[in-house]
Amino acid sequence: MFATEQQMPAYYRIFPGNISGMKALKLTIKEAGIKDACMVGDKGFSSDDNMNMFDEEDLQFILPLKRNSRFVTYKRLATREYDKAFDGHFMYHNRPIFYYKYLHKEEKNGETK
């Protein structure tokens, strides 16, 4: 885990290969006692169950979506006006990757996340 304010690693743990990524993440969060964190994951973490777990643990998260995700809307591509259809882009392997933000919302104590 990385502490953004200190700009340095804050916690490190090695797991045996027979523990799944989500199980290891849950154990690490619990052991480290993290309260205010943002989990950044790859497509392997992008599932409804994992998003629900992050919500239950009150963790913020950023996840890329799988192509067949119900959150992906391909209507944005139909216009071919990418500067209007997307929030921005970045370059990856000399290719533009366009993105838009989707907020996974849940009401807790009158607050929208």
PDB file of N, CA and C in Angstrom:
ATOM      1  N   MET A   1       0.847  -1.163   0.000  1.00  0.00           N
ATOM      2  CA  MET A   1       0.000   0.000   0.000  1.00  0.00           C
ATOM      3  C   MET A   1       0.890   1.223   0.000  1.00  0.00           C
ATOM      4  N   PHE A   2       0.377   2.264  -0.583  1.00  0.00           N
ATOM      5  CA  PHE A   2       1.162   3.477  -0.787  1.00  0.00           C
ATOM      6  C   PHE A   2       0.464   4.645  -0.108  1.00  0.00           C
ATOM      7  N   ALA A   3       1.209   5.427   0.674  1.00  0.00           N
ATOM      8  CA  ALA A   3       0.665   6.603   1.341  1.00  0.00           C
ATOM      9  C   ALA A   3       0.878   7.816   0.432  1.00  0.00           C
ATOM     10  N   THR A   4      -0.209   8.363  -0.062  1.00  0.00           N
ATOM     11  CA  THR A   4      -0.079   9.466  -1.014  1.00  0.00           C
ATOM     12  C   THR A   4       0.477  10.733  -0.369  1.00  0.00           C
ATOM     13  N   GLU A   5       0.095  11.010   0.870  1.00  0.00           N
ATOM     14  CA  GLU A   5       0.590  12.228   1.529  1.00  0.00           C
ATOM     15  C   GLU A   5       2.093  12.169   1.781  1.00  0.00           C
ATOM     16  N   GLN A   6       2.582  10.993   2.175  1.00  0.00           N
ATOM     17  CA  GLN A   6       4.015  10.845   2.445  1.00  0.00           C
ATOM     18  C   GLN A   6       4.814  10.488   1.192  1.00  0.00           C
ATOM     19  N   GLN A   7       4.112  10.131   0.116  1.00  0.00           N
ATOM     20  CA  GLN A   7       4.742   9.724  -1.138  1.00  0.00           C
ATOM     21  C   GLN A   7       5.747   8.590  -0.920  1.00  0.00           C
ATOM     22  N   MET A   8       5.294   7.579  -0.179  1.00  0.00           N
ATOM     23  CA  MET A   8       6.156   6.428   0.075  1.00  0.00           C
ATOM     24  C   MET A   8       5.311   5.214   0.435  1.00  0.00           C
ATOM     25  N   PRO A   9       5.890   4.027   0.306  1.00  0.00           N
ATOM     26  CA  PRO A   9       5.143   2.830   0.710  1.00  0.00           C
ATOM     27  C   PRO A   9       4.795   2.901   2.191  1.00  0.00           C
ATOM     28  N   ALA A  10       3.585   2.455   2.529  1.00  0.00           N
ATOM     29  CA  ALA A  10       3.141   2.522   3.917  1.00  0.00           C
ATOM     30  C   ALA A  10       2.901   1.139   4.527  1.00  0.00           C
ATOM     31  N   TYR A  11       2.685   0.146   3.679  1.00  0.00           N
ATOM     32  CA  TYR A  11       2.388  -1.184   4.200  1.00  0.00           C
ATOM     33  C   TYR A  11       2.743  -2.208   3.135  1.00  0.00           C
ATOM     34  N   TYR A  12       3.312  -3.321   3.560  1.00  0.00           N
ATOM     35  CA  TYR A  12       3.746  -4.349   2.626  1.00  0.00           C
ATOM     36  C   TYR A  12       3.453  -5.709   3.232  1.00  0.00           C
ATOM     37  N   ARG A  13       2.924  -6.607   2.435  1.00  0.00           N
ATOM     38  CA  ARG A  13       2.623  -7.944   2.919  1.00  0.00           C
ATOM     39  C   ARG A  13       2.747  -8.939   1.783  1.00  0.00           C
ATOM     40  N   ILE A  14       3.338 -10.088   2.052  1.00  0.00           N
ATOM     41  CA  ILE A  14       3.475 -11.155   1.060  1.00  0.00           C
ATOM     42  C   ILE A  14       2.448 -12.239   1.383  1.00  0.00           C
ATOM     43  N   PHE A  15       1.754 -12.716   0.339  1.00  0.00           N
ATOM     44  CA  PHE A  15       0.758 -13.765   0.500  1.00  0.00           C
ATOM     45  C   PHE A  15       1.178 -14.997  -0.278  1.00  0.00           C
ATOM     46  N   PRO A  16       0.809 -16.175   0.235  1.00  0.00           N
ATOM     47  CA  PRO A  16       1.052 -17.389  -0.539  1.00  0.00           C
ATOM     48  C   PRO A  16       0.192 -17.383  -1.804  1.00  0.00           C
ATOM     49  N   GLY A  17       0.598 -18.101  -2.803  1.00  0.00           N
ATOM     50  CA  GLY A  17      -0.094 -18.118  -4.094  1.00  0.00           C
ATOM     51  C   GLY A  17      -1.482 -18.723  -4.065  1.00  0.00           C
ATOM     52  N   ASN A  18      -1.840 -19.421  -2.993  1.00  0.00           N
ATOM     53  CA  ASN A  18      -3.150 -20.072  -2.953  1.00  0.00           C
ATOM     54  C   ASN A  18      -4.244 -19.169  -2.368  1.00  0.00           C
ATOM     55  N   ILE A  19      -3.947 -17.899  -2.092  1.00  0.00           N
ATOM     56  CA  ILE A  19      -4.952 -16.957  -1.583  1.00  0.00           C
ATOM     57  C   ILE A  19      -5.359 -16.043  -2.725  1.00  0.00           C
ATOM     58  N   SER A  20      -6.677 -15.921  -2.936  1.00  0.00           N
ATOM     59  CA  SER A  20      -7.175 -15.094  -4.038  1.00  0.00           C
ATOM     60  C   SER A  20      -6.876 -13.615  -3.790  1.00  0.00           C
ATOM     61  N   GLY A  21      -6.894 -12.837  -4.866  1.00  0.00           N
ATOM     62  CA  GLY A  21      -6.612 -11.407  -4.776  1.00  0.00           C
ATOM     63  C   GLY A  21      -7.560 -10.670  -3.852  1.00  0.00           C
ATOM     64  N   MET A  22      -8.869 -10.975  -3.937  1.00  0.00           N
ATOM     65  CA  MET A  22      -9.843 -10.287  -3.090  1.00  0.00           C
ATOM     66  C   MET A  22      -9.672 -10.678  -1.628  1.00  0.00           C
ATOM     67  N   LYS A  23      -9.426 -11.938  -1.384  1.00  0.00           N
ATOM     68  CA  LYS A  23      -9.229 -12.380  -0.001  1.00  0.00           C
ATOM     69  C   LYS A  23      -7.990 -11.720   0.588  1.00  0.00           C
ATOM     70  N   ALA A  24      -6.919 -11.665  -0.193  1.00  0.00           N
ATOM     71  CA  ALA A  24      -5.689 -11.013   0.262  1.00  0.00           C
ATOM     72  C   ALA A  24      -5.924  -9.530   0.521  1.00  0.00           C
ATOM     73  N   LEU A  25      -6.694  -8.879  -0.350  1.00  0.00           N
ATOM     74  CA  LEU A  25      -6.989  -7.463  -0.174  1.00  0.00           C
ATOM     75  C   LEU A  25      -7.783  -7.226   1.106  1.00  0.00           C
ATOM     76  N   LYS A  26      -8.816  -8.033   1.343  1.00  0.00           N
ATOM     77  CA  LYS A  26      -9.618  -7.899   2.565  1.00  0.00           C
ATOM     78  C   LYS A  26      -8.751  -8.060   3.813  1.00  0.00           C
ATOM     79  N   LEU A  27      -7.905  -9.098   3.814  1.00  0.00           N
ATOM     80  CA  LEU A  27      -7.030  -9.344   4.962  1.00  0.00           C
ATOM     81  C   LEU A  27      -6.065  -8.193   5.192  1.00  0.00           C
ATOM     82  N   THR A  28      -5.509  -7.670   4.120  1.00  0.00           N
ATOM     83  CA  THR A  28      -4.543  -6.582   4.230  1.00  0.00           C
ATOM     84  C   THR A  28      -5.196  -5.307   4.748  1.00  0.00           C
ATOM     85  N   ILE A  29      -6.375  -4.982   4.237  1.00  0.00           N
ATOM     86  CA  ILE A  29      -7.089  -3.779   4.691  1.00  0.00           C
ATOM     87  C   ILE A  29      -7.413  -3.908   6.176  1.00  0.00           C
ATOM     88  N   LYS A  30      -7.889  -5.078   6.574  1.00  0.00           N
ATOM     89  CA  LYS A  30      -8.232  -5.303   7.978  1.00  0.00           C
ATOM     90  C   LYS A  30      -6.991  -5.219   8.861  1.00  0.00           C
ATOM     91  N   GLU A  31      -5.919  -5.880   8.450  1.00  0.00           N
ATOM     92  CA  GLU A  31      -4.689  -5.906   9.243  1.00  0.00           C
ATOM     93  C   GLU A  31      -4.057  -4.520   9.362  1.00  0.00           C
ATOM     94  N   ALA A  32      -4.084  -3.749   8.272  1.00  0.00           N
ATOM     95  CA  ALA A  32      -3.458  -2.430   8.269  1.00  0.00           C
ATOM     96  C   ALA A  32      -4.315  -1.389   8.986  1.00  0.00           C
ATOM     97  N   GLY A  33      -5.597  -1.690   9.174  1.00  0.00           N
ATOM     98  CA  GLY A  33      -6.486  -0.748   9.848  1.00  0.00           C
ATOM     99  C   GLY A  33      -6.761   0.500   9.022  1.00  0.00           C
ATOM    100  N   ILE A  34      -6.819   0.339   7.728  1.00  0.00           N
ATOM    101  CA  ILE A  34      -7.021   1.475   6.834  1.00  0.00           C
ATOM    102  C   ILE A  34      -8.462   1.949   6.893  1.00  0.00           C
ATOM    103  N   LYS A  35      -8.641   3.261   7.036  1.00  0.00           N
ATOM    104  CA  LYS A  35      -9.984   3.835   7.101  1.00  0.00           C
ATOM    105  C   LYS A  35     -10.290   4.731   5.909  1.00  0.00           C
ATOM    106  N   ASP A  36      -9.311   5.449   5.404  1.00  0.00           N
ATOM    107  CA  ASP A  36      -9.534   6.383   4.304  1.00  0.00           C
ATOM    108  C   ASP A  36      -8.590   6.018   3.161  1.00  0.00           C
ATOM    109  N   ALA A  37      -9.060   5.162   2.282  1.00  0.00           N
ATOM    110  CA  ALA A  37      -8.211   4.674   1.199  1.00  0.00           C
ATOM    111  C   ALA A  37      -8.982   4.682  -0.104  1.00  0.00           C
ATOM    112  N   CYS A  38      -8.255   4.653  -1.193  1.00  0.00           N
ATOM    113  CA  CYS A  38      -8.847   4.519  -2.517  1.00  0.00           C
ATOM    114  C   CYS A  38      -8.185   3.321  -3.172  1.00  0.00           C
ATOM    115  N   MET A  39      -8.971   2.309  -3.471  1.00  0.00           N
ATOM    116  CA  MET A  39      -8.475   1.094  -4.089  1.00  0.00           C
ATOM    117  C   MET A  39      -8.473   1.293  -5.600  1.00  0.00           C
ATOM    118  N   VAL A  40      -7.317   1.113  -6.223  1.00  0.00           N
ATOM    119  CA  VAL A  40      -7.197   1.182  -7.670  1.00  0.00           C
ATOM    120  C   VAL A  40      -6.890  -0.236  -8.135  1.00  0.00           C
ATOM    121  N   GLY A  41      -7.773  -0.783  -8.969  1.00  0.00           N
ATOM    122  CA  GLY A  41      -7.603  -2.166  -9.377  1.00  0.00           C
ATOM    123  C   GLY A  41      -7.616  -2.336 -10.878  1.00  0.00           C
ATOM    124  N   ASP A  42      -7.288  -3.540 -11.312  1.00  0.00           N
ATOM    125  CA  ASP A  42      -7.341  -3.857 -12.737  1.00  0.00           C
ATOM    126  C   ASP A  42      -8.698  -4.483 -13.056  1.00  0.00           C
ATOM    127  N   LYS A  43      -8.887  -4.918 -14.292  1.00  0.00           N
ATOM    128  CA  LYS A  43     -10.176  -5.476 -14.711  1.00  0.00           C
ATOM    129  C   LYS A  43     -10.574  -6.706 -13.906  1.00  0.00           C
ATOM    130  N   GLY A  44      -9.616  -7.404 -13.360  1.00  0.00           N
ATOM    131  CA  GLY A  44      -9.906  -8.584 -12.566  1.00  0.00           C
ATOM    132  C   GLY A  44     -10.698  -8.276 -11.302  1.00  0.00           C
ATOM    133  N   PHE A  45     -10.625  -7.034 -10.820  1.00  0.00           N
ATOM    134  CA  PHE A  45     -11.365  -6.632  -9.623  1.00  0.00           C
ATOM    135  C   PHE A  45     -12.731  -6.051  -9.963  1.00  0.00           C
ATOM    136  N   SER A  46     -13.021  -5.878 -11.237  1.00  0.00           N
ATOM    137  CA  SER A  46     -14.244  -5.207 -11.671  1.00  0.00           C
ATOM    138  C   SER A  46     -15.420  -6.176 -11.719  1.00  0.00           C
ATOM    139  N   SER A  47     -16.121  -6.282 -10.573  1.00  0.00           N
ATOM    140  CA  SER A  47     -17.331  -7.116 -10.504  1.00  0.00           C
ATOM    141  C   SER A  47     -18.292  -6.481  -9.513  1.00  0.00           C
ATOM    142  N   ASP A  48     -19.568  -6.817  -9.634  1.00  0.00           N
ATOM    143  CA  ASP A  48     -20.567  -6.287  -8.695  1.00  0.00           C
ATOM    144  C   ASP A  48     -20.250  -6.705  -7.263  1.00  0.00           C
ATOM    145  N   ASP A  49     -19.834  -7.961  -7.073  1.00  0.00           N
ATOM    146  CA  ASP A  49     -19.512  -8.435  -5.721  1.00  0.00           C
ATOM    147  C   ASP A  49     -18.378  -7.612  -5.107  1.00  0.00           C
ATOM    148  N   ASN A  50     -17.339  -7.350  -5.902  1.00  0.00           N
ATOM    149  CA  ASN A  50     -16.221  -6.572  -5.379  1.00  0.00           C
ATOM    150  C   ASN A  50     -16.623  -5.129  -5.098  1.00  0.00           C
ATOM    151  N   MET A  51     -17.420  -4.529  -5.993  1.00  0.00           N
ATOM    152  CA  MET A  51     -17.879  -3.157  -5.759  1.00  0.00           C
ATOM    153  C   MET A  51     -18.716  -3.084  -4.490  1.00  0.00           C
ATOM    154  N   ASN A  52     -19.563  -4.091  -4.274  1.00  0.00           N
ATOM    155  CA  ASN A  52     -20.360  -4.134  -3.050  1.00  0.00           C
ATOM    156  C   ASN A  52     -19.469  -4.287  -1.823  1.00  0.00           C
ATOM    157  N   MET A  53     -18.409  -5.112  -1.929  1.00  0.00           N
ATOM    158  CA  MET A  53     -17.491  -5.291  -0.810  1.00  0.00           C
ATOM    159  C   MET A  53     -16.778  -3.980  -0.498  1.00  0.00           C
ATOM    160  N   PHE A  54     -16.350  -3.252  -1.535  1.00  0.00           N
ATOM    161  CA  PHE A  54     -15.686  -1.965  -1.306  1.00  0.00           C
ATOM    162  C   PHE A  54     -16.641  -0.998  -0.615  1.00  0.00           C
ATOM    163  N   ASP A  55     -17.904  -1.013  -1.029  1.00  0.00           N
ATOM    164  CA  ASP A  55     -18.904  -0.163  -0.379  1.00  0.00           C
ATOM    165  C   ASP A  55     -19.093  -0.556   1.080  1.00  0.00           C
ATOM    166  N   GLU A  56     -19.184  -1.857   1.343  1.00  0.00           N
ATOM    167  CA  GLU A  56     -19.357  -2.332   2.717  1.00  0.00           C
ATOM    168  C   GLU A  56     -18.174  -1.938   3.598  1.00  0.00           C
ATOM    169  N   GLU A  57     -16.984  -1.960   3.025  1.00  0.00           N
ATOM    170  CA  GLU A  57     -15.781  -1.582   3.761  1.00  0.00           C
ATOM    171  C   GLU A  57     -15.584  -0.061   3.768  1.00  0.00           C
ATOM    172  N   ASP A  58     -16.499   0.661   3.118  1.00  0.00           N
ATOM    173  CA  ASP A  58     -16.455   2.120   3.009  1.00  0.00           C
ATOM    174  C   ASP A  58     -15.160   2.600   2.350  1.00  0.00           C
ATOM    175  N   LEU A  59     -14.749   1.894   1.279  1.00  0.00           N
ATOM    176  CA  LEU A  59     -13.548   2.245   0.523  1.00  0.00           C
ATOM    177  C   LEU A  59     -13.933   2.888  -0.805  1.00  0.00           C
ATOM    178  N   GLN A  60     -13.210   3.925  -1.158  1.00  0.00           N
ATOM    179  CA  GLN A  60     -13.369   4.490  -2.493  1.00  0.00           C
ATOM    180  C   GLN A  60     -12.623   3.565  -3.451  1.00  0.00           C
ATOM    181  N   PHE A  61     -13.039   3.544  -4.713  1.00  0.00           N
ATOM    182  CA  PHE A  61     -12.347   2.678  -5.660  1.00  0.00           C
ATOM    183  C   PHE A  61     -12.425   3.223  -7.075  1.00  0.00           C
ATOM    184  N   ILE A  62     -11.416   2.867  -7.845  1.00  0.00           N
ATOM    185  CA  ILE A  62     -11.341   3.194  -9.267  1.00  0.00           C
ATOM    186  C   ILE A  62     -11.035   1.889  -9.984  1.00  0.00           C
ATOM    187  N   LEU A  63     -11.934   1.509 -10.899  1.00  0.00           N
ATOM    188  CA  LEU A  63     -11.765   0.248 -11.611  1.00  0.00           C
ATOM    189  C   LEU A  63     -12.027   0.433 -13.098  1.00  0.00           C
ATOM    190  N   PRO A  64     -11.194  -0.150 -13.948  1.00  0.00           N
ATOM    191  CA  PRO A  64     -11.545  -0.179 -15.370  1.00  0.00           C
ATOM    192  C   PRO A  64     -12.648  -1.207 -15.560  1.00  0.00           C
ATOM    193  N   LEU A  65     -13.497  -0.962 -16.516  1.00  0.00           N
ATOM    194  CA  LEU A  65     -14.617  -1.865 -16.740  1.00  0.00           C
ATOM    195  C   LEU A  65     -14.324  -2.848 -17.861  1.00  0.00           C
ATOM    196  N   LYS A  66     -14.844  -4.040 -17.721  1.00  0.00           N
ATOM    197  CA  LYS A  66     -14.745  -5.035 -18.786  1.00  0.00           C
ATOM    198  C   LYS A  66     -15.659  -4.605 -19.930  1.00  0.00           C
ATOM    199  N   ARG A  67     -15.345  -5.007 -21.139  1.00  0.00           N
ATOM    200  CA  ARG A  67     -16.128  -4.597 -22.313  1.00  0.00           C
ATOM    201  C   ARG A  67     -17.602  -4.970 -22.214  1.00  0.00           C
ATOM    202  N   ASN A  68     -17.897  -6.084 -21.554  1.00  0.00           N
ATOM    203  CA  ASN A  68     -19.287  -6.526 -21.458  1.00  0.00           C
ATOM    204  C   ASN A  68     -19.974  -6.031 -20.187  1.00  0.00           C
ATOM    205  N   SER A  69     -19.367  -5.084 -19.485  1.00  0.00           N
ATOM    206  CA  SER A  69     -19.959  -4.554 -18.260  1.00  0.00           C
ATOM    207  C   SER A  69     -21.257  -3.811 -18.561  1.00  0.00           C
ATOM    208  N   ARG A  70     -22.215  -3.930 -17.653  1.00  0.00           N
ATOM    209  CA  ARG A  70     -23.482  -3.215 -17.838  1.00  0.00           C
ATOM    210  C   ARG A  70     -23.305  -1.712 -17.695  1.00  0.00           C
ATOM    211  N   PHE A  71     -22.161  -1.272 -17.163  1.00  0.00           N
ATOM    212  CA  PHE A  71     -21.897   0.154 -17.000  1.00  0.00           C
ATOM    213  C   PHE A  71     -21.321   0.795 -18.262  1.00  0.00           C
ATOM    214  N   VAL A  72     -20.872  -0.017 -19.210  1.00  0.00           N
ATOM    215  CA  VAL A  72     -20.289   0.520 -20.439  1.00  0.00           C
ATOM    216  C   VAL A  72     -21.407   0.861 -21.419  1.00  0.00           C
ATOM    217  N   THR A  73     -21.383   2.093 -21.916  1.00  0.00           N
ATOM    218  CA  THR A  73     -22.374   2.553 -22.877  1.00  0.00           C
ATOM    219  C   THR A  73     -21.662   2.845 -24.193  1.00  0.00           C
ATOM    220  N   TYR A  74     -21.988   2.101 -25.217  1.00  0.00           N
ATOM    221  CA  TYR A  74     -21.331   2.290 -26.503  1.00  0.00           C
ATOM    222  C   TYR A  74     -21.993   3.382 -27.344  1.00  0.00           C
ATOM    223  N   LYS A  75     -23.092   3.941 -26.856  1.00  0.00           N
ATOM    224  CA  LYS A  75     -23.753   5.036 -27.574  1.00  0.00           C
ATOM    225  C   LYS A  75     -22.806   6.220 -27.753  1.00  0.00           C
ATOM    226  N   ARG A  76     -21.924   6.400 -26.791  1.00  0.00           N
ATOM    227  CA  ARG A  76     -20.972   7.517 -26.861  1.00  0.00           C
ATOM    228  C   ARG A  76     -20.095   7.431 -28.111  1.00  0.00           C
ATOM    229  N   LEU A  77     -19.817   6.230 -28.570  1.00  0.00           N
ATOM    230  CA  LEU A  77     -18.955   6.047 -29.740  1.00  0.00           C
ATOM    231  C   LEU A  77     -19.673   6.367 -31.046  1.00  0.00           C
ATOM    232  N   ALA A  78     -20.981   6.314 -31.052  1.00  0.00           N
ATOM    233  CA  ALA A  78     -21.754   6.509 -32.277  1.00  0.00           C
ATOM    234  C   ALA A  78     -21.595   7.916 -32.842  1.00  0.00           C
ATOM    235  N   THR A  79     -21.391   8.897 -31.981  1.00  0.00           N
ATOM    236  CA  THR A  79     -21.289  10.283 -32.448  1.00  0.00           C
ATOM    237  C   THR A  79     -19.970  10.561 -33.155  1.00  0.00           C
ATOM    238  N   ARG A  80     -18.940   9.826 -32.812  1.00  0.00           N
ATOM    239  CA  ARG A  80     -17.577  10.030 -33.337  1.00  0.00           C
ATOM    240  C   ARG A  80     -17.030  11.395 -32.933  1.00  0.00           C
ATOM    241  N   GLU A  81     -17.726  12.107 -32.060  1.00  0.00           N
ATOM    242  CA  GLU A  81     -17.230  13.365 -31.513  1.00  0.00           C
ATOM    243  C   GLU A  81     -16.694  13.077 -30.119  1.00  0.00           C
ATOM    244  N   TYR A  82     -15.531  12.447 -30.068  1.00  0.00           N
ATOM    245  CA  TYR A  82     -14.987  11.944 -28.823  1.00  0.00           C
ATOM    246  C   TYR A  82     -14.730  13.043 -27.795  1.00  0.00           C
ATOM    247  N   ASP A  83     -14.387  14.240 -28.265  1.00  0.00           N
ATOM    248  CA  ASP A  83     -14.116  15.323 -27.320  1.00  0.00           C
ATOM    249  C   ASP A  83     -15.370  15.717 -26.543  1.00  0.00           C
ATOM    250  N   LYS A  84     -16.547  15.470 -27.107  1.00  0.00           N
ATOM    251  CA  LYS A  84     -17.808  15.779 -26.415  1.00  0.00           C
ATOM    252  C   LYS A  84     -18.368  14.555 -25.687  1.00  0.00           C
ATOM    253  N   ALA A  85     -18.097  13.372 -26.211  1.00  0.00           N
ATOM    254  CA  ALA A  85     -18.681  12.152 -25.659  1.00  0.00           C
ATOM    255  C   ALA A  85     -17.924  11.621 -24.444  1.00  0.00           C
ATOM    256  N   PHE A  86     -16.662  12.015 -24.271  1.00  0.00           N
ATOM    257  CA  PHE A  86     -15.836  11.479 -23.195  1.00  0.00           C
ATOM    258  C   PHE A  86     -15.300  12.604 -22.321  1.00  0.00           C
ATOM    259  N   ASP A  87     -14.885  12.234 -21.120  1.00  0.00           N
ATOM    260  CA  ASP A  87     -14.321  13.219 -20.191  1.00  0.00           C
ATOM    261  C   ASP A  87     -12.873  13.553 -20.516  1.00  0.00           C
ATOM    262  N   GLY A  88     -12.224  12.711 -21.273  1.00  0.00           N
ATOM    263  CA  GLY A  88     -10.834  12.960 -21.630  1.00  0.00           C
ATOM    264  C   GLY A  88     -10.200  11.725 -22.230  1.00  0.00           C
ATOM    265  N   HIS A  89      -8.882  11.794 -22.370  1.00  0.00           N
ATOM    266  CA  HIS A  89      -8.146  10.635 -22.878  1.00  0.00           C
ATOM    267  C   HIS A  89      -6.719  10.680 -22.355  1.00  0.00           C
ATOM    268  N   PHE A  90      -6.032   9.550 -22.459  1.00  0.00           N
ATOM    269  CA  PHE A  90      -4.611   9.463 -22.164  1.00  0.00           C
ATOM    270  C   PHE A  90      -4.006   8.513 -23.186  1.00  0.00           C
ATOM    271  N   MET A  91      -2.697   8.582 -23.329  1.00  0.00           N
ATOM    272  CA  MET A  91      -2.014   7.740 -24.305  1.00  0.00           C
ATOM    273  C   MET A  91      -1.469   6.489 -23.620  1.00  0.00           C
ATOM    274  N   TYR A  92      -1.663   5.353 -24.258  1.00  0.00           N
ATOM    275  CA  TYR A  92      -1.136   4.089 -23.763  1.00  0.00           C
ATOM    276  C   TYR A  92      -0.633   3.303 -24.954  1.00  0.00           C
ATOM    277  N   HIS A  93       0.650   2.978 -24.955  1.00  0.00           N
ATOM    278  CA  HIS A  93       1.279   2.285 -26.081  1.00  0.00           C
ATOM    279  C   HIS A  93       0.989   3.011 -27.398  1.00  0.00           C
ATOM    280  N   ASN A  94       1.142   4.310 -27.379  1.00  0.00           N
ATOM    281  CA  ASN A  94       0.937   5.175 -28.551  1.00  0.00           C
ATOM    282  C   ASN A  94      -0.485   5.129 -29.099  1.00  0.00           C
ATOM    283  N   ARG A  95      -1.442   4.761 -28.256  1.00  0.00           N
ATOM    284  CA  ARG A  95      -2.859   4.757 -28.659  1.00  0.00           C
ATOM    285  C   ARG A  95      -3.645   5.604 -27.674  1.00  0.00           C
ATOM    286  N   PRO A  96      -4.602   6.402 -28.159  1.00  0.00           N
ATOM    287  CA  PRO A  96      -5.431   7.159 -27.215  1.00  0.00           C
ATOM    288  C   PRO A  96      -6.459   6.244 -26.552  1.00  0.00           C
ATOM    289  N   ILE A  97      -6.580   6.375 -25.256  1.00  0.00           N
ATOM    290  CA  ILE A  97      -7.588   5.650 -24.485  1.00  0.00           C
ATOM    291  C   ILE A  97      -8.560   6.705 -23.975  1.00  0.00           C
ATOM    292  N   PHE A  98      -9.789   6.668 -24.476  1.00  0.00           N
ATOM    293  CA  PHE A  98     -10.807   7.630 -24.069  1.00  0.00           C
ATOM    294  C   PHE A  98     -11.528   7.087 -22.840  1.00  0.00           C
ATOM    295  N   TYR A  99     -11.903   7.998 -21.964  1.00  0.00           N
ATOM    296  CA  TYR A  99     -12.579   7.568 -20.750  1.00  0.00           C
ATOM    297  C   TYR A  99     -13.703   8.527 -20.378  1.00  0.00           C
ATOM    298  N   TYR A 100     -14.609   8.014 -19.575  1.00  0.00           N
ATOM    299  CA  TYR A 100     -15.605   8.856 -18.932  1.00  0.00           C
ATOM    300  C   TYR A 100     -15.778   8.345 -17.510  1.00  0.00           C
ATOM    301  N   LYS A 101     -16.252   9.199 -16.658  1.00  0.00           N
ATOM    302  CA  LYS A 101     -16.403   8.859 -15.248  1.00  0.00           C
ATOM    303  C   LYS A 101     -17.813   8.356 -14.993  1.00  0.00           C
ATOM    304  N   TYR A 102     -17.873   7.298 -14.239  1.00  0.00           N
ATOM    305  CA  TYR A 102     -19.149   6.747 -13.807  1.00  0.00           C
ATOM    306  C   TYR A 102     -19.077   6.624 -12.299  1.00  0.00           C
ATOM    307  N   LEU A 103     -19.993   7.249 -11.610  1.00  0.00           N
ATOM    308  CA  LEU A 103     -20.004   7.181 -10.157  1.00  0.00           C
ATOM    309  C   LEU A 103     -20.914   6.051  -9.709  1.00  0.00           C
ATOM    310  N   HIS A 104     -20.343   5.134  -8.983  1.00  0.00           N
ATOM    311  CA  HIS A 104     -21.096   4.043  -8.373  1.00  0.00           C
ATOM    312  C   HIS A 104     -21.732   4.643  -7.132  1.00  0.00           C
ATOM    313  N   LYS A 105     -23.039   4.925  -7.193  1.00  0.00           N
ATOM    314  CA  LYS A 105     -23.694   5.690  -6.141  1.00  0.00           C
ATOM    315  C   LYS A 105     -24.402   4.783  -5.149  1.00  0.00           C
ATOM    316  N   GLU A 106     -24.338   5.204  -3.904  1.00  0.00           N
ATOM    317  CA  GLU A 106     -25.053   4.508  -2.854  1.00  0.00           C
ATOM    318  C   GLU A 106     -25.361   5.524  -1.761  1.00  0.00           C
ATOM    319  N   GLU A 107     -26.550   5.472  -1.251  1.00  0.00           N
ATOM    320  CA  GLU A 107     -26.946   6.384  -0.183  1.00  0.00           C
ATOM    321  C   GLU A 107     -26.530   5.793   1.170  1.00  0.00           C
ATOM    322  N   LYS A 108     -25.783   6.569   1.931  1.00  0.00           N
ATOM    323  CA  LYS A 108     -25.423   6.192   3.290  1.00  0.00           C
ATOM    324  C   LYS A 108     -25.553   7.428   4.156  1.00  0.00           C
ATOM    325  N   ASN A 109     -26.390   7.361   5.149  1.00  0.00           N
ATOM    326  CA  ASN A 109     -26.577   8.480   6.073  1.00  0.00           C
ATOM    327  C   ASN A 109     -26.883   9.784   5.328  1.00  0.00           C
ATOM    328  N   GLY A 110     -27.661   9.690   4.277  1.00  0.00           N
ATOM    329  CA  GLY A 110     -28.047  10.881   3.527  1.00  0.00           C
ATOM    330  C   GLY A 110     -26.991  11.387   2.576  1.00  0.00           C
ATOM    331  N   GLU A 111     -25.845  10.711   2.456  1.00  0.00           N
ATOM    332  CA  GLU A 111     -24.776  11.153   1.553  1.00  0.00           C
ATOM    333  C   GLU A 111     -24.738  10.257   0.324  1.00  0.00           C
ATOM    334  N   THR A 112     -24.474  10.860  -0.834  1.00  0.00           N
ATOM    335  CA  THR A 112     -24.298  10.096  -2.062  1.00  0.00           C
ATOM    336  C   THR A 112     -22.814   9.935  -2.309  1.00  0.00           C
ATOM    337  N   LYS A 113     -22.373   8.723  -2.561  1.00  0.00           N
ATOM    338  CA  LYS A 113     -20.956   8.471  -2.847  1.00  0.00           C
ATOM    339  C   LYS A 113     -20.728   8.527  -4.337  1.00  0.00           C
TER     340      LYS A 113
END
